[in-house]
Amino acid sequence: MSDLIPIAQIVVSVILIGLILIQERGSGMGGLFGGGNDQAYQTRRGMEKTIFVLTILLVIAFAVLALLNLVL
């Protein structure tokens, strides 16, 4: 069991990195550094909402796996 936890952490982290990278934050290079966002708030719809919720769930899963790795 304890041998599978680090492997699961690696898999979750790679998927999490991919999900974070495909989230759109703005247009052009300004979006990479926090600029270029004209709207203060934008509702998420469709696939964007699904990716956002999946990202949150994977962050929680990663935190749980990290705690299990410490305990076991």
N, C-alpha and C. Protein backbone atom coordinates (compact mmCIF):
# COMPACT_ATOMS: atom_id res chain seq x y z
N MET A 1 0.83 -1.20 0.00
CA MET A 1 0.00 0.00 0.00
C MET A 1 0.86 1.25 0.00
N SER A 2 1.89 1.28 0.85
CA SER A 2 2.72 2.49 0.94
C SER A 2 3.59 2.67 -0.30
N ASP A 3 3.77 1.62 -1.10
CA ASP A 3 4.53 1.76 -2.34
C ASP A 3 3.70 2.42 -3.44
N LEU A 4 2.38 2.32 -3.34
CA LEU A 4 1.51 2.88 -4.36
C LEU A 4 1.23 4.37 -4.17
N ILE A 5 1.38 4.87 -2.95
CA ILE A 5 1.06 6.26 -2.67
C ILE A 5 1.96 7.23 -3.44
N PRO A 6 3.28 7.05 -3.46
CA PRO A 6 4.11 7.99 -4.25
C PRO A 6 3.81 7.93 -5.75
N ILE A 7 3.48 6.76 -6.26
CA ILE A 7 3.14 6.65 -7.67
C ILE A 7 1.83 7.38 -7.95
N ALA A 8 0.86 7.23 -7.06
CA ALA A 8 -0.42 7.92 -7.21
C ALA A 8 -0.22 9.44 -7.12
N GLN A 9 0.68 9.89 -6.24
CA GLN A 9 0.98 11.32 -6.13
C GLN A 9 1.57 11.86 -7.42
N ILE A 10 2.44 11.11 -8.04
CA ILE A 10 3.06 11.54 -9.30
C ILE A 10 2.01 11.64 -10.39
N VAL A 11 1.14 10.63 -10.48
CA VAL A 11 0.09 10.64 -11.50
C VAL A 11 -0.85 11.82 -11.29
N VAL A 12 -1.29 12.03 -10.05
CA VAL A 12 -2.19 13.14 -9.75
C VAL A 12 -1.52 14.47 -10.04
N SER A 13 -0.25 14.61 -9.70
CA SER A 13 0.43 15.88 -9.92
C SER A 13 0.61 16.19 -11.41
N VAL A 14 0.89 15.17 -12.22
CA VAL A 14 1.04 15.40 -13.66
C VAL A 14 -0.30 15.82 -14.28
N ILE A 15 -1.38 15.16 -13.88
CA ILE A 15 -2.70 15.53 -14.39
C ILE A 15 -3.07 16.93 -13.91
N LEU A 16 -2.75 17.24 -12.67
CA LEU A 16 -3.04 18.56 -12.10
C LEU A 16 -2.30 19.66 -12.84
N ILE A 17 -1.04 19.43 -13.15
CA ILE A 17 -0.26 20.41 -13.90
C ILE A 17 -0.89 20.65 -15.27
N GLY A 18 -1.30 19.57 -15.93
CA GLY A 18 -1.94 19.70 -17.23
C GLY A 18 -3.24 20.51 -17.16
N LEU A 19 -4.06 20.24 -16.14
CA LEU A 19 -5.32 20.96 -15.99
C LEU A 19 -5.09 22.44 -15.71
N ILE A 20 -4.09 22.74 -14.91
CA ILE A 20 -3.80 24.14 -14.60
C ILE A 20 -3.31 24.87 -15.84
N LEU A 21 -2.52 24.19 -16.65
CA LEU A 21 -1.98 24.84 -17.84
C LEU A 21 -3.04 25.10 -18.91
N ILE A 22 -4.09 24.28 -18.98
CA ILE A 22 -5.08 24.51 -20.02
C ILE A 22 -6.17 25.49 -19.61
N GLN A 23 -6.16 25.94 -18.37
CA GLN A 23 -7.13 26.95 -17.95
C GLN A 23 -6.76 28.29 -18.55
N GLU A 24 -7.73 28.95 -19.15
CA GLU A 24 -7.49 30.22 -19.81
C GLU A 24 -7.63 31.36 -18.81
N ARG A 25 -6.63 32.21 -18.75
CA ARG A 25 -6.64 33.33 -17.83
C ARG A 25 -6.64 34.68 -18.53
N GLY A 26 -6.35 34.73 -19.75
CA GLY A 26 -6.29 36.00 -20.47
C GLY A 26 -5.70 35.75 -21.83
N SER A 27 -5.68 36.77 -22.63
CA SER A 27 -5.16 36.59 -23.98
C SER A 27 -3.72 37.08 -24.06
N GLY A 28 -2.92 36.39 -24.84
CA GLY A 28 -1.55 36.82 -25.07
C GLY A 28 -0.64 36.54 -23.89
N MET A 29 0.56 37.10 -23.97
CA MET A 29 1.54 36.90 -22.92
C MET A 29 1.18 37.64 -21.64
N GLY A 30 0.36 38.66 -21.73
CA GLY A 30 -0.06 39.40 -20.53
C GLY A 30 -0.81 38.51 -19.57
N GLY A 31 -1.53 37.52 -20.08
CA GLY A 31 -2.27 36.60 -19.22
C GLY A 31 -1.36 35.71 -18.40
N LEU A 32 -0.15 35.45 -18.90
CA LEU A 32 0.78 34.61 -18.15
C LEU A 32 1.31 35.29 -16.90
N PHE A 33 1.37 36.62 -16.94
CA PHE A 33 1.95 37.36 -15.82
C PHE A 33 0.90 38.11 -15.01
N GLY A 34 -0.36 37.76 -15.19
CA GLY A 34 -1.42 38.36 -14.38
C GLY A 34 -2.08 39.55 -15.02
N GLY A 35 -1.63 40.02 -16.14
CA GLY A 35 -2.25 41.17 -16.80
C GLY A 35 -3.18 40.73 -17.90
N GLY A 36 -3.75 41.68 -18.59
CA GLY A 36 -4.58 41.39 -19.74
C GLY A 36 -5.98 40.90 -19.42
N ASN A 37 -6.41 41.06 -18.18
CA ASN A 37 -7.75 40.62 -17.81
C ASN A 37 -8.62 41.85 -17.62
N ASP A 38 -9.53 42.10 -18.56
CA ASP A 38 -10.37 43.29 -18.49
C ASP A 38 -11.56 43.12 -17.58
N GLN A 39 -11.98 41.89 -17.33
CA GLN A 39 -13.16 41.65 -16.51
C GLN A 39 -12.75 41.31 -15.09
N ALA A 40 -13.50 41.85 -14.13
CA ALA A 40 -13.20 41.57 -12.73
C ALA A 40 -13.69 40.18 -12.33
N TYR A 41 -14.81 39.76 -12.91
CA TYR A 41 -15.36 38.45 -12.56
C TYR A 41 -16.04 37.86 -13.79
N GLN A 42 -15.81 36.58 -14.00
CA GLN A 42 -16.41 35.90 -15.14
C GLN A 42 -16.92 34.55 -14.67
N THR A 43 -18.17 34.25 -14.99
CA THR A 43 -18.72 32.95 -14.59
C THR A 43 -18.18 31.87 -15.50
N ARG A 44 -17.96 30.71 -14.91
CA ARG A 44 -17.45 29.57 -15.67
C ARG A 44 -18.63 28.75 -16.18
N ARG A 45 -18.53 28.32 -17.43
CA ARG A 45 -19.60 27.53 -18.02
C ARG A 45 -19.01 26.37 -18.79
N GLY A 46 -19.77 25.29 -18.86
CA GLY A 46 -19.41 24.17 -19.71
C GLY A 46 -18.11 23.50 -19.30
N MET A 47 -17.25 23.32 -20.31
CA MET A 47 -15.98 22.61 -20.10
C MET A 47 -15.08 23.35 -19.13
N GLU A 48 -15.10 24.69 -19.15
CA GLU A 48 -14.27 25.47 -18.24
C GLU A 48 -14.63 25.20 -16.78
N LYS A 49 -15.93 25.08 -16.50
CA LYS A 49 -16.38 24.78 -15.14
C LYS A 49 -15.96 23.37 -14.73
N THR A 50 -16.08 22.42 -15.67
CA THR A 50 -15.68 21.04 -15.39
C THR A 50 -14.19 20.95 -15.06
N ILE A 51 -13.37 21.64 -15.84
CA ILE A 51 -11.93 21.65 -15.59
C ILE A 51 -11.62 22.28 -14.24
N PHE A 52 -12.32 23.37 -13.91
CA PHE A 52 -12.11 24.05 -12.63
C PHE A 52 -12.44 23.14 -11.45
N VAL A 53 -13.60 22.47 -11.52
CA VAL A 53 -14.01 21.58 -10.43
C VAL A 53 -13.07 20.39 -10.32
N LEU A 54 -12.66 19.84 -11.47
CA LEU A 54 -11.72 18.72 -11.47
C LEU A 54 -10.37 19.12 -10.88
N THR A 55 -9.96 20.34 -11.15
CA THR A 55 -8.70 20.84 -10.57
C THR A 55 -8.79 20.90 -9.05
N ILE A 56 -9.90 21.39 -8.54
CA ILE A 56 -10.09 21.46 -7.08
C ILE A 56 -10.09 20.06 -6.47
N LEU A 57 -10.78 19.12 -7.11
CA LEU A 57 -10.83 17.75 -6.60
C LEU A 57 -9.44 17.10 -6.61
N LEU A 58 -8.66 17.37 -7.65
CA LEU A 58 -7.31 16.78 -7.70
C LEU A 58 -6.38 17.41 -6.68
N VAL A 59 -6.57 18.69 -6.37
CA VAL A 59 -5.76 19.32 -5.32
C VAL A 59 -6.07 18.67 -3.97
N ILE A 60 -7.35 18.42 -3.72
CA ILE A 60 -7.74 17.75 -2.47
C ILE A 60 -7.18 16.33 -2.43
N ALA A 61 -7.27 15.62 -3.56
CA ALA A 61 -6.72 14.26 -3.62
C ALA A 61 -5.21 14.26 -3.39
N PHE A 62 -4.52 15.24 -3.96
CA PHE A 62 -3.07 15.34 -3.77
C PHE A 62 -2.73 15.59 -2.30
N ALA A 63 -3.50 16.47 -1.65
CA ALA A 63 -3.25 16.76 -0.23
C ALA A 63 -3.50 15.53 0.63
N VAL A 64 -4.55 14.78 0.33
CA VAL A 64 -4.85 13.56 1.09
C VAL A 64 -3.74 12.53 0.89
N LEU A 65 -3.27 12.38 -0.36
CA LEU A 65 -2.18 11.45 -0.62
C LEU A 65 -0.90 11.87 0.10
N ALA A 66 -0.64 13.17 0.16
CA ALA A 66 0.55 13.65 0.86
C ALA A 66 0.46 13.34 2.37
N LEU A 67 -0.73 13.55 2.93
CA LEU A 67 -0.89 13.22 4.36
C LEU A 67 -0.78 11.73 4.61
N LEU A 68 -1.35 10.92 3.72
CA LEU A 68 -1.22 9.47 3.87
C LEU A 68 0.24 9.03 3.75
N ASN A 69 0.96 9.69 2.88
CA ASN A 69 2.39 9.37 2.72
C ASN A 69 3.16 9.70 4.00
N LEU A 70 2.77 10.74 4.69
CA LEU A 70 3.43 11.09 5.95
C LEU A 70 3.10 10.10 7.07
N VAL A 71 1.82 9.71 7.12
CA VAL A 71 1.37 8.84 8.20
C VAL A 71 1.87 7.42 8.02
N LEU A 72 1.82 6.93 6.78
CA LEU A 72 2.24 5.54 6.54
C LEU A 72 3.68 5.54 6.26
